[in-house]
Amino acid sequence: MCIGRPLRLVEMFEFSALCAGPDGAQESVDMTLVGPQPAGTWVLVFLGHARSLLETEEALRIQDALVALEGVMRGETPNIDRLFADLVNREPELPDHLRGPAALS
């Protein structure tokens, strides 16, 4: 499974940026796919490359989901309802391309 991580941009350089995760650990991220961004911008990072820009709310939702996943993998039972608050009390929706021909009409 491929999982992108939300990181917050600390300092921008020509083609890379210093970004920080929720634990404060910093890493260099290739920014060529998203271009130069101001400090404080959230980016979705996969294999050291910023793949897309994130709004703060979306970045925090992804962080919560990753915390839940890590807890479950350790055999813990984290507060799933809080960590997946955007999914509580609703059915997840499939994207159009996975719904089949009837959804396209």
PDB file of N, CA and C in Angstrom:
ATOM      1  N   MET A   1       0.853  -1.169   0.000  1.00  0.00           N
ATOM      2  CA  MET A   1       0.000   0.000   0.000  1.00  0.00           C
ATOM      3  C   MET A   1       0.899   1.233   0.000  1.00  0.00           C
ATOM      4  N   CYS A   2       0.589   2.202  -0.815  1.00  0.00           N
ATOM      5  CA  CYS A   2       1.330   3.459  -0.884  1.00  0.00           C
ATOM      6  C   CYS A   2       0.619   4.497  -0.018  1.00  0.00           C
ATOM      7  N   ILE A   3       1.368   5.119   0.870  1.00  0.00           N
ATOM      8  CA  ILE A   3       0.770   6.110   1.761  1.00  0.00           C
ATOM      9  C   ILE A   3       1.585   7.393   1.712  1.00  0.00           C
ATOM     10  N   GLY A   4       0.921   8.483   1.351  1.00  0.00           N
ATOM     11  CA  GLY A   4       1.551   9.791   1.405  1.00  0.00           C
ATOM     12  C   GLY A   4       1.400  10.365   2.802  1.00  0.00           C
ATOM     13  N   ARG A   5       2.366  11.186   3.197  1.00  0.00           N
ATOM     14  CA  ARG A   5       2.338  11.804   4.520  1.00  0.00           C
ATOM     15  C   ARG A   5       2.243  13.317   4.384  1.00  0.00           C
ATOM     16  N   PRO A   6       1.411  13.960   5.178  1.00  0.00           N
ATOM     17  CA  PRO A   6       1.352  15.417   5.140  1.00  0.00           C
ATOM     18  C   PRO A   6       2.503  16.011   5.944  1.00  0.00           C
ATOM     19  N   LEU A   7       3.251  16.899   5.315  1.00  0.00           N
ATOM     20  CA  LEU A   7       4.339  17.610   5.982  1.00  0.00           C
ATOM     21  C   LEU A   7       4.141  19.101   5.760  1.00  0.00           C
ATOM     22  N   ARG A   8       4.615  19.897   6.714  1.00  0.00           N
ATOM     23  CA  ARG A   8       4.468  21.350   6.619  1.00  0.00           C
ATOM     24  C   ARG A   8       5.799  21.964   6.228  1.00  0.00           C
ATOM     25  N   LEU A   9       5.766  22.825   5.213  1.00  0.00           N
ATOM     26  CA  LEU A   9       6.973  23.445   4.692  1.00  0.00           C
ATOM     27  C   LEU A   9       7.548  24.427   5.711  1.00  0.00           C
ATOM     28  N   VAL A  10       8.845  24.277   5.989  1.00  0.00           N
ATOM     29  CA  VAL A  10       9.547  25.149   6.927  1.00  0.00           C
ATOM     30  C   VAL A  10      10.357  26.191   6.172  1.00  0.00           C
ATOM     31  N   GLU A  11      11.118  25.724   5.166  1.00  0.00           N
ATOM     32  CA  GLU A  11      11.981  26.631   4.408  1.00  0.00           C
ATOM     33  C   GLU A  11      12.097  26.144   2.969  1.00  0.00           C
ATOM     34  N   MET A  12      11.891  27.049   2.023  1.00  0.00           N
ATOM     35  CA  MET A  12      11.937  26.712   0.595  1.00  0.00           C
ATOM     36  C   MET A  12      13.310  27.040   0.036  1.00  0.00           C
ATOM     37  N   PHE A  13      13.842  26.135  -0.776  1.00  0.00           N
ATOM     38  CA  PHE A  13      15.077  26.359  -1.514  1.00  0.00           C
ATOM     39  C   PHE A  13      14.714  26.354  -2.999  1.00  0.00           C
ATOM     40  N   GLU A  14      15.681  26.259  -3.882  1.00  0.00           N
ATOM     41  CA  GLU A  14      15.362  26.356  -5.305  1.00  0.00           C
ATOM     42  C   GLU A  14      14.395  25.263  -5.769  1.00  0.00           C
ATOM     43  N   PHE A  15      14.743  24.011  -5.568  1.00  0.00           N
ATOM     44  CA  PHE A  15      13.899  22.899  -6.024  1.00  0.00           C
ATOM     45  C   PHE A  15      13.484  21.955  -4.895  1.00  0.00           C
ATOM     46  N   SER A  16      13.878  22.277  -3.697  1.00  0.00           N
ATOM     47  CA  SER A  16      13.541  21.429  -2.556  1.00  0.00           C
ATOM     48  C   SER A  16      13.131  22.297  -1.382  1.00  0.00           C
ATOM     49  N   ALA A  17      12.616  21.647  -0.365  1.00  0.00           N
ATOM     50  CA  ALA A  17      12.195  22.378   0.830  1.00  0.00           C
ATOM     51  C   ALA A  17      12.499  21.539   2.057  1.00  0.00           C
ATOM     52  N   LEU A  18      12.719  22.226   3.156  1.00  0.00           N
ATOM     53  CA  LEU A  18      12.815  21.577   4.446  1.00  0.00           C
ATOM     54  C   LEU A  18      11.403  21.535   5.000  1.00  0.00           C
ATOM     55  N   CYS A  19      10.913  20.340   5.306  1.00  0.00           N
ATOM     56  CA  CYS A  19       9.540  20.173   5.786  1.00  0.00           C
ATOM     57  C   CYS A  19       9.554  19.433   7.114  1.00  0.00           C
ATOM     58  N   ALA A  20       8.500  19.647   7.907  1.00  0.00           N
ATOM     59  CA  ALA A  20       8.407  19.016   9.222  1.00  0.00           C
ATOM     60  C   ALA A  20       7.128  18.214   9.344  1.00  0.00           C
ATOM     61  N   GLY A  21       7.239  17.087  10.038  1.00  0.00           N
ATOM     62  CA  GLY A  21       6.084  16.251  10.330  1.00  0.00           C
ATOM     63  C   GLY A  21       5.487  16.629  11.668  1.00  0.00           C
ATOM     64  N   PRO A  22       4.438  15.929  12.081  1.00  0.00           N
ATOM     65  CA  PRO A  22       3.759  16.254  13.335  1.00  0.00           C
ATOM     66  C   PRO A  22       4.637  16.061  14.570  1.00  0.00           C
ATOM     67  N   ASP A  23       5.670  15.211  14.453  1.00  0.00           N
ATOM     68  CA  ASP A  23       6.572  14.986  15.581  1.00  0.00           C
ATOM     69  C   ASP A  23       7.720  15.989  15.611  1.00  0.00           C
ATOM     70  N   GLY A  24       7.747  16.908  14.626  1.00  0.00           N
ATOM     71  CA  GLY A  24       8.794  17.920  14.568  1.00  0.00           C
ATOM     72  C   GLY A  24      10.014  17.504  13.773  1.00  0.00           C
ATOM     73  N   ALA A  25      10.111  16.226  13.418  1.00  0.00           N
ATOM     74  CA  ALA A  25      11.245  15.757  12.622  1.00  0.00           C
ATOM     75  C   ALA A  25      11.217  16.439  11.259  1.00  0.00           C
ATOM     76  N   GLN A  26      12.391  16.903  10.818  1.00  0.00           N
ATOM     77  CA  GLN A  26      12.475  17.615   9.549  1.00  0.00           C
ATOM     78  C   GLN A  26      13.158  16.755   8.497  1.00  0.00           C
ATOM     79  N   GLU A  27      12.749  16.963   7.245  1.00  0.00           N
ATOM     80  CA  GLU A  27      13.359  16.244   6.139  1.00  0.00           C
ATOM     81  C   GLU A  27      13.326  17.098   4.883  1.00  0.00           C
ATOM     82  N   SER A  28      14.258  16.789   3.987  1.00  0.00           N
ATOM     83  CA  SER A  28      14.313  17.482   2.707  1.00  0.00           C
ATOM     84  C   SER A  28      13.311  16.834   1.755  1.00  0.00           C
ATOM     85  N   VAL A  29      12.533  17.672   1.057  1.00  0.00           N
ATOM     86  CA  VAL A  29      11.494  17.187   0.149  1.00  0.00           C
ATOM     87  C   VAL A  29      11.693  17.823  -1.222  1.00  0.00           C
ATOM     88  N   ASP A  30      11.670  17.004  -2.264  1.00  0.00           N
ATOM     89  CA  ASP A  30      11.745  17.497  -3.639  1.00  0.00           C
ATOM     90  C   ASP A  30      10.427  18.190  -3.974  1.00  0.00           C
ATOM     91  N   MET A  31      10.488  19.437  -4.436  1.00  0.00           N
ATOM     92  CA  MET A  31       9.288  20.239  -4.694  1.00  0.00           C
ATOM     93  C   MET A  31       9.020  20.455  -6.181  1.00  0.00           C
ATOM     94  N   THR A  32       9.720  19.747  -7.061  1.00  0.00           N
ATOM     95  CA  THR A  32       9.586  20.027  -8.490  1.00  0.00           C
ATOM     96  C   THR A  32       8.183  19.772  -9.037  1.00  0.00           C
ATOM     97  N   LEU A  33       7.412  18.876  -8.444  1.00  0.00           N
ATOM     98  CA  LEU A  33       6.057  18.612  -8.951  1.00  0.00           C
ATOM     99  C   LEU A  33       5.046  19.688  -8.560  1.00  0.00           C
ATOM    100  N   VAL A  34       5.281  20.380  -7.458  1.00  0.00           N
ATOM    101  CA  VAL A  34       4.320  21.387  -6.989  1.00  0.00           C
ATOM    102  C   VAL A  34       4.857  22.813  -7.085  1.00  0.00           C
ATOM    103  N   GLY A  35       6.150  22.967  -7.342  1.00  0.00           N
ATOM    104  CA  GLY A  35       6.736  24.296  -7.475  1.00  0.00           C
ATOM    105  C   GLY A  35       7.007  24.948  -6.128  1.00  0.00           C
ATOM    106  N   PRO A  36       7.642  26.109  -6.168  1.00  0.00           N
ATOM    107  CA  PRO A  36       7.973  26.825  -4.934  1.00  0.00           C
ATOM    108  C   PRO A  36       6.708  27.213  -4.162  1.00  0.00           C
ATOM    109  N   GLN A  37       6.770  27.085  -2.841  1.00  0.00           N
ATOM    110  CA  GLN A  37       5.630  27.399  -1.978  1.00  0.00           C
ATOM    111  C   GLN A  37       6.119  28.175  -0.762  1.00  0.00           C
ATOM    112  N   PRO A  38       5.250  28.958  -0.159  1.00  0.00           N
ATOM    113  CA  PRO A  38       5.652  29.709   1.034  1.00  0.00           C
ATOM    114  C   PRO A  38       5.728  28.809   2.275  1.00  0.00           C
ATOM    115  N   ALA A  39       6.501  29.249   3.251  1.00  0.00           N
ATOM    116  CA  ALA A  39       6.592  28.538   4.530  1.00  0.00           C
ATOM    117  C   ALA A  39       5.195  28.404   5.125  1.00  0.00           C
ATOM    118  N   GLY A  40       4.941  27.265   5.744  1.00  0.00           N
ATOM    119  CA  GLY A  40       3.634  27.008   6.342  1.00  0.00           C
ATOM    120  C   GLY A  40       2.707  26.203   5.457  1.00  0.00           C
ATOM    121  N   THR A  41       3.040  26.062   4.181  1.00  0.00           N
ATOM    122  CA  THR A  41       2.218  25.292   3.246  1.00  0.00           C
ATOM    123  C   THR A  41       2.304  23.807   3.588  1.00  0.00           C
ATOM    124  N   TRP A  42       1.172  23.126   3.523  1.00  0.00           N
ATOM    125  CA  TRP A  42       1.125  21.675   3.717  1.00  0.00           C
ATOM    126  C   TRP A  42       1.274  20.993   2.366  1.00  0.00           C
ATOM    127  N   VAL A  43       2.111  19.946   2.318  1.00  0.00           N
ATOM    128  CA  VAL A  43       2.284  19.155   1.101  1.00  0.00           C
ATOM    129  C   VAL A  43       2.109  17.677   1.429  1.00  0.00           C
ATOM    130  N   LEU A  44       1.591  16.924   0.467  1.00  0.00           N
ATOM    131  CA  LEU A  44       1.473  15.476   0.609  1.00  0.00           C
ATOM    132  C   LEU A  44       2.740  14.870   0.019  1.00  0.00           C
ATOM    133  N   VAL A  45       3.509  14.162   0.838  1.00  0.00           N
ATOM    134  CA  VAL A  45       4.826  13.662   0.446  1.00  0.00           C
ATOM    135  C   VAL A  45       4.805  12.141   0.336  1.00  0.00           C
ATOM    136  N   PHE A  46       5.342  11.655  -0.771  1.00  0.00           N
ATOM    137  CA  PHE A  46       5.498  10.221  -0.988  1.00  0.00           C
ATOM    138  C   PHE A  46       6.880   9.986  -1.573  1.00  0.00           C
ATOM    139  N   LEU A  47       7.661   9.124  -0.934  1.00  0.00           N
ATOM    140  CA  LEU A  47       9.024   8.801  -1.369  1.00  0.00           C
ATOM    141  C   LEU A  47       9.880  10.055  -1.568  1.00  0.00           C
ATOM    142  N   GLY A  48       9.751  11.017  -0.662  1.00  0.00           N
ATOM    143  CA  GLY A  48      10.599  12.200  -0.685  1.00  0.00           C
ATOM    144  C   GLY A  48      10.200  13.287  -1.657  1.00  0.00           C
ATOM    145  N   HIS A  49       9.071  13.121  -2.338  1.00  0.00           N
ATOM    146  CA  HIS A  49       8.602  14.108  -3.311  1.00  0.00           C
ATOM    147  C   HIS A  49       7.250  14.665  -2.888  1.00  0.00           C
ATOM    148  N   ALA A  50       7.095  15.976  -2.939  1.00  0.00           N
ATOM    149  CA  ALA A  50       5.784  16.585  -2.694  1.00  0.00           C
ATOM    150  C   ALA A  50       4.923  16.285  -3.909  1.00  0.00           C
ATOM    151  N   ARG A  51       3.813  15.578  -3.694  1.00  0.00           N
ATOM    152  CA  ARG A  51       2.940  15.169  -4.799  1.00  0.00           C
ATOM    153  C   ARG A  51       1.811  16.155  -5.041  1.00  0.00           C
ATOM    154  N   SER A  52       1.357  16.826  -3.961  1.00  0.00           N
ATOM    155  CA  SER A  52       0.264  17.792  -4.094  1.00  0.00           C
ATOM    156  C   SER A  52       0.259  18.715  -2.886  1.00  0.00           C
ATOM    157  N   LEU A  53      -0.470  19.823  -3.049  1.00  0.00           N
ATOM    158  CA  LEU A  53      -0.648  20.775  -1.957  1.00  0.00           C
ATOM    159  C   LEU A  53      -1.891  20.384  -1.177  1.00  0.00           C
ATOM    160  N   LEU A  54      -1.877  20.638   0.128  1.00  0.00           N
ATOM    161  CA  LEU A  54      -3.010  20.297   0.987  1.00  0.00           C
ATOM    162  C   LEU A  54      -3.496  21.523   1.745  1.00  0.00           C
ATOM    163  N   GLU A  55      -4.800  21.596   1.937  1.00  0.00           N
ATOM    164  CA  GLU A  55      -5.360  22.572   2.870  1.00  0.00           C
ATOM    165  C   GLU A  55      -5.089  22.039   4.280  1.00  0.00           C
ATOM    166  N   THR A  56      -5.027  22.931   5.252  1.00  0.00           N
ATOM    167  CA  THR A  56      -4.730  22.528   6.626  1.00  0.00           C
ATOM    168  C   THR A  56      -5.691  21.456   7.126  1.00  0.00           C
ATOM    169  N   GLU A  57      -6.984  21.632   6.886  1.00  0.00           N
ATOM    170  CA  GLU A  57      -7.986  20.671   7.358  1.00  0.00           C
ATOM    171  C   GLU A  57      -7.730  19.273   6.792  1.00  0.00           C
ATOM    172  N   GLU A  58      -7.414  19.208   5.504  1.00  0.00           N
ATOM    173  CA  GLU A  58      -7.151  17.911   4.875  1.00  0.00           C
ATOM    174  C   GLU A  58      -5.874  17.280   5.436  1.00  0.00           C
ATOM    175  N   ALA A  59      -4.834  18.099   5.638  1.00  0.00           N
ATOM    176  CA  ALA A  59      -3.580  17.588   6.195  1.00  0.00           C
ATOM    177  C   ALA A  59      -3.809  16.992   7.583  1.00  0.00           C
ATOM    178  N   LEU A  60      -4.602  17.661   8.400  1.00  0.00           N
ATOM    179  CA  LEU A  60      -4.874  17.171   9.754  1.00  0.00           C
ATOM    180  C   LEU A  60      -5.719  15.901   9.735  1.00  0.00           C
ATOM    181  N   ARG A  61      -6.662  15.797   8.793  1.00  0.00           N
ATOM    182  CA  ARG A  61      -7.454  14.563   8.657  1.00  0.00           C
ATOM    183  C   ARG A  61      -6.556  13.378   8.292  1.00  0.00           C
ATOM    184  N   ILE A  62      -5.623  13.619   7.371  1.00  0.00           N
ATOM    185  CA  ILE A  62      -4.702  12.552   6.967  1.00  0.00           C
ATOM    186  C   ILE A  62      -3.818  12.153   8.143  1.00  0.00           C
ATOM    187  N   GLN A  63      -3.318  13.144   8.884  1.00  0.00           N
ATOM    188  CA  GLN A  63      -2.501  12.830  10.062  1.00  0.00           C
ATOM    189  C   GLN A  63      -3.279  11.976  11.058  1.00  0.00           C
ATOM    190  N   ASP A  64      -4.526  12.338  11.316  1.00  0.00           N
ATOM    191  CA  ASP A  64      -5.353  11.559  12.241  1.00  0.00           C
ATOM    192  C   ASP A  64      -5.525  10.123  11.747  1.00  0.00           C
ATOM    193  N   ALA A  65      -5.773   9.960  10.456  1.00  0.00           N
ATOM    194  CA  ALA A  65      -5.947   8.618   9.891  1.00  0.00           C
ATOM    195  C   ALA A  65      -4.668   7.797  10.039  1.00  0.00           C
ATOM    196  N   LEU A  66      -3.516   8.426   9.851  1.00  0.00           N
ATOM    197  CA  LEU A  66      -2.249   7.710   9.993  1.00  0.00           C
ATOM    198  C   LEU A  66      -1.994   7.319  11.447  1.00  0.00           C
ATOM    199  N   VAL A  67      -2.375   8.184  12.388  1.00  0.00           N
ATOM    200  CA  VAL A  67      -2.255   7.850  13.815  1.00  0.00           C
ATOM    201  C   VAL A  67      -3.114   6.626  14.127  1.00  0.00           C
ATOM    202  N   ALA A  68      -4.340   6.602  13.601  1.00  0.00           N
ATOM    203  CA  ALA A  68      -5.233   5.461  13.820  1.00  0.00           C
ATOM    204  C   ALA A  68      -4.633   4.188  13.227  1.00  0.00           C
ATOM    205  N   LEU A  69      -4.131   4.272  12.009  1.00  0.00           N
ATOM    206  CA  LEU A  69      -3.538   3.113  11.346  1.00  0.00           C
ATOM    207  C   LEU A  69      -2.344   2.581  12.131  1.00  0.00           C
ATOM    208  N   GLU A  70      -1.468   3.480  12.589  1.00  0.00           N
ATOM    209  CA  GLU A  70      -0.302   3.054  13.366  1.00  0.00           C
ATOM    210  C   GLU A  70      -0.731   2.371  14.661  1.00  0.00           C
ATOM    211  N   GLY A  71      -1.749   2.912  15.321  1.00  0.00           N
ATOM    212  CA  GLY A  71      -2.239   2.307  16.556  1.00  0.00           C
ATOM    213  C   GLY A  71      -2.781   0.913  16.334  1.00  0.00           C
ATOM    214  N   VAL A  72      -3.578   0.751  15.305  1.00  0.00           N
ATOM    215  CA  VAL A  72      -4.144  -0.563  14.995  1.00  0.00           C
ATOM    216  C   VAL A  72      -3.032  -1.555  14.658  1.00  0.00           C
ATOM    217  N   MET A  73      -2.017  -1.113  13.934  1.00  0.00           N
ATOM    218  CA  MET A  73      -0.904  -1.999  13.582  1.00  0.00           C
ATOM    219  C   MET A  73      -0.109  -2.435  14.816  1.00  0.00           C
ATOM    220  N   ARG A  74      -0.116  -1.622  15.867  1.00  0.00           N
ATOM    221  CA  ARG A  74       0.551  -1.980  17.124  1.00  0.00           C
ATOM    222  C   ARG A  74      -0.366  -2.795  18.040  1.00  0.00           C
ATOM    223  N   GLY A  75      -1.586  -3.053  17.599  1.00  0.00           N
ATOM    224  CA  GLY A  75      -2.529  -3.815  18.400  1.00  0.00           C
ATOM    225  C   GLY A  75      -3.281  -2.981  19.414  1.00  0.00           C
ATOM    226  N   GLU A  76      -3.187  -1.672  19.294  1.00  0.00           N
ATOM    227  CA  GLU A  76      -3.898  -0.778  20.197  1.00  0.00           C
ATOM    228  C   GLU A  76      -5.278  -0.485  19.624  1.00  0.00           C
ATOM    229  N   THR A  77      -6.138   0.046  20.440  1.00  0.00           N
ATOM    230  CA  THR A  77      -7.462   0.452  19.963  1.00  0.00           C
ATOM    231  C   THR A  77      -7.616   1.950  20.192  1.00  0.00           C
ATOM    232  N   PRO A  78      -7.028   2.746  19.308  1.00  0.00           N
ATOM    233  CA  PRO A  78      -7.151   4.194  19.453  1.00  0.00           C
ATOM    234  C   PRO A  78      -8.601   4.630  19.254  1.00  0.00           C
ATOM    235  N   ASN A  79      -8.893   5.848  19.620  1.00  0.00           N
ATOM    236  CA  ASN A  79     -10.243   6.394  19.475  1.00  0.00           C
ATOM    237  C   ASN A  79     -10.550   6.578  17.988  1.00  0.00           C
ATOM    238  N   ILE A  80     -10.996   5.511  17.362  1.00  0.00           N
ATOM    239  CA  ILE A  80     -11.229   5.509  15.917  1.00  0.00           C
ATOM    240  C   ILE A  80     -12.250   6.568  15.507  1.00  0.00           C
ATOM    241  N   ASP A  81     -13.315   6.723  16.274  1.00  0.00           N
ATOM    242  CA  ASP A  81     -14.335   7.716  15.911  1.00  0.00           C
ATOM    243  C   ASP A  81     -13.753   9.120  15.845  1.00  0.00           C
ATOM    244  N   ARG A  82     -12.856   9.451  16.755  1.00  0.00           N
ATOM    245  CA  ARG A  82     -12.241  10.782  16.728  1.00  0.00           C
ATOM    246  C   ARG A  82     -11.240  10.891  15.577  1.00  0.00           C
ATOM    247  N   LEU A  83     -10.460   9.841  15.367  1.00  0.00           N
ATOM    248  CA  LEU A  83      -9.414   9.884  14.352  1.00  0.00           C
ATOM    249  C   LEU A  83      -9.956   9.782  12.930  1.00  0.00           C
ATOM    250  N   PHE A  84     -11.152   9.228  12.774  1.00  0.00           N
ATOM    251  CA  PHE A  84     -11.811   9.175  11.472  1.00  0.00           C
ATOM    252  C   PHE A  84     -13.123   9.944  11.532  1.00  0.00           C
ATOM    253  N   ALA A  85     -13.100  11.113  12.162  1.00  0.00           N
ATOM    254  CA  ALA A  85     -14.321  11.903  12.386  1.00  0.00           C
ATOM    255  C   ALA A  85     -15.063  12.215  11.090  1.00  0.00           C
ATOM    256  N   ASP A  86     -14.338  12.359   9.980  1.00  0.00           N
ATOM    257  CA  ASP A  86     -14.993  12.681   8.711  1.00  0.00           C
ATOM    258  C   ASP A  86     -15.765  11.493   8.134  1.00  0.00           C
ATOM    259  N   LEU A  87     -15.589  10.297   8.697  1.00  0.00           N
ATOM    260  CA  LEU A  87     -16.288   9.113   8.188  1.00  0.00           C
ATOM    261  C   LEU A  87     -17.386   8.610   9.119  1.00  0.00           C
ATOM    262  N   VAL A  88     -17.462   9.161  10.321  1.00  0.00           N
ATOM    263  CA  VAL A  88     -18.440   8.702  11.309  1.00  0.00           C
ATOM    264  C   VAL A  88     -19.846   9.126  10.883  1.00  0.00           C
ATOM    265  N   ASN A  89     -20.792   8.215  11.044  1.00  0.00           N
ATOM    266  CA  ASN A  89     -22.213   8.472  10.757  1.00  0.00           C
ATOM    267  C   ASN A  89     -22.513   8.757   9.288  1.00  0.00           C
ATOM    268  N   ARG A  90     -21.710   8.190   8.397  1.00  0.00           N
ATOM    269  CA  ARG A  90     -22.015   8.302   6.971  1.00  0.00           C
ATOM    270  C   ARG A  90     -21.368   7.143   6.232  1.00  0.00           C
ATOM    271  N   GLU A  91     -21.932   6.817   5.101  1.00  0.00           N
ATOM    272  CA  GLU A  91     -21.366   5.780   4.247  1.00  0.00           C
ATOM    273  C   GLU A  91     -20.289   6.408   3.370  1.00  0.00           C
ATOM    274  N   PRO A  92     -19.117   5.784   3.284  1.00  0.00           N
ATOM    275  CA  PRO A  92     -18.107   6.297   2.355  1.00  0.00           C
ATOM    276  C   PRO A  92     -18.641   6.243   0.923  1.00  0.00           C
ATOM    277  N   GLU A  93     -18.260   7.200   0.106  1.00  0.00           N
ATOM    278  CA  GLU A  93     -18.718   7.261  -1.284  1.00  0.00           C
ATOM    279  C   GLU A  93     -17.597   6.851  -2.222  1.00  0.00           C
ATOM    280  N   LEU A  94     -17.940   6.002  -3.173  1.00  0.00           N
ATOM    281  CA  LEU A  94     -16.970   5.629  -4.193  1.00  0.00           C
ATOM    282  C   LEU A  94     -16.800   6.776  -5.176  1.00  0.00           C
ATOM    283  N   PRO A  95     -15.576   6.971  -5.690  1.00  0.00           N
ATOM    284  CA  PRO A  95     -15.398   7.955  -6.759  1.00  0.00           C
ATOM    285  C   PRO A  95     -16.155   7.495  -8.006  1.00  0.00           C
ATOM    286  N   ASP A  96     -16.534   8.430  -8.860  1.00  0.00           N
ATOM    287  CA  ASP A  96     -17.327   8.121 -10.055  1.00  0.00           C
ATOM    288  C   ASP A  96     -16.738   6.978 -10.880  1.00  0.00           C
ATOM    289  N   HIS A  97     -15.406   6.972 -11.060  1.00  0.00           N
ATOM    290  CA  HIS A  97     -14.805   5.961 -11.937  1.00  0.00           C
ATOM    291  C   HIS A  97     -14.898   4.547 -11.359  1.00  0.00           C
ATOM    292  N   LEU A  98     -15.249   4.398 -10.083  1.00  0.00           N
ATOM    293  CA  LEU A  98     -15.412   3.068  -9.484  1.00  0.00           C
ATOM    294  C   LEU A  98     -16.869   2.655  -9.312  1.00  0.00           C
ATOM    295  N   ARG A  99     -17.794   3.537  -9.645  1.00  0.00           N
ATOM    296  CA  ARG A  99     -19.212   3.250  -9.430  1.00  0.00           C
ATOM    297  C   ARG A  99     -19.835   2.406 -10.529  1.00  0.00           C
ATOM    298  N   GLY A 100     -19.249   2.340 -11.660  1.00  0.00           N
ATOM    299  CA  GLY A 100     -19.816   1.561 -12.753  1.00  0.00           C
ATOM    300  C   GLY A 100     -20.562   2.433 -13.741  1.00  0.00           C
ATOM    301  N   PRO A 101     -21.031   1.838 -14.843  1.00  0.00           N
ATOM    302  CA  PRO A 101     -21.669   2.587 -15.927  1.00  0.00           C
ATOM    303  C   PRO A 101     -22.920   3.359 -15.500  1.00  0.00           C
ATOM    304  N   ALA A 102     -23.712   2.839 -14.587  1.00  0.00           N
ATOM    305  CA  ALA A 102     -24.955   3.522 -14.195  1.00  0.00           C
ATOM    306  C   ALA A 102     -24.675   4.879 -13.567  1.00  0.00           C
ATOM    307  N   ALA A 103     -23.553   5.026 -12.877  1.00  0.00           N
ATOM    308  CA  ALA A 103     -23.232   6.292 -12.210  1.00  0.00           C
ATOM    309  C   ALA A 103     -22.784   7.361 -13.198  1.00  0.00           C
ATOM    310  N   LEU A 104     -22.352   6.947 -14.374  1.00  0.00           N
ATOM    311  CA  LEU A 104     -21.850   7.896 -15.360  1.00  0.00           C
ATOM    312  C   LEU A 104     -22.959   8.546 -16.166  1.00  0.00           C
ATOM    313  N   SER A 105     -24.171   8.017 -16.112  1.00  0.00           N
ATOM    314  CA  SER A 105     -25.259   8.574 -16.924  1.00  0.00           C
ATOM    315  C   SER A 105     -26.063   9.592 -16.154  1.00  0.00           C
TER     316      SER A 105
END
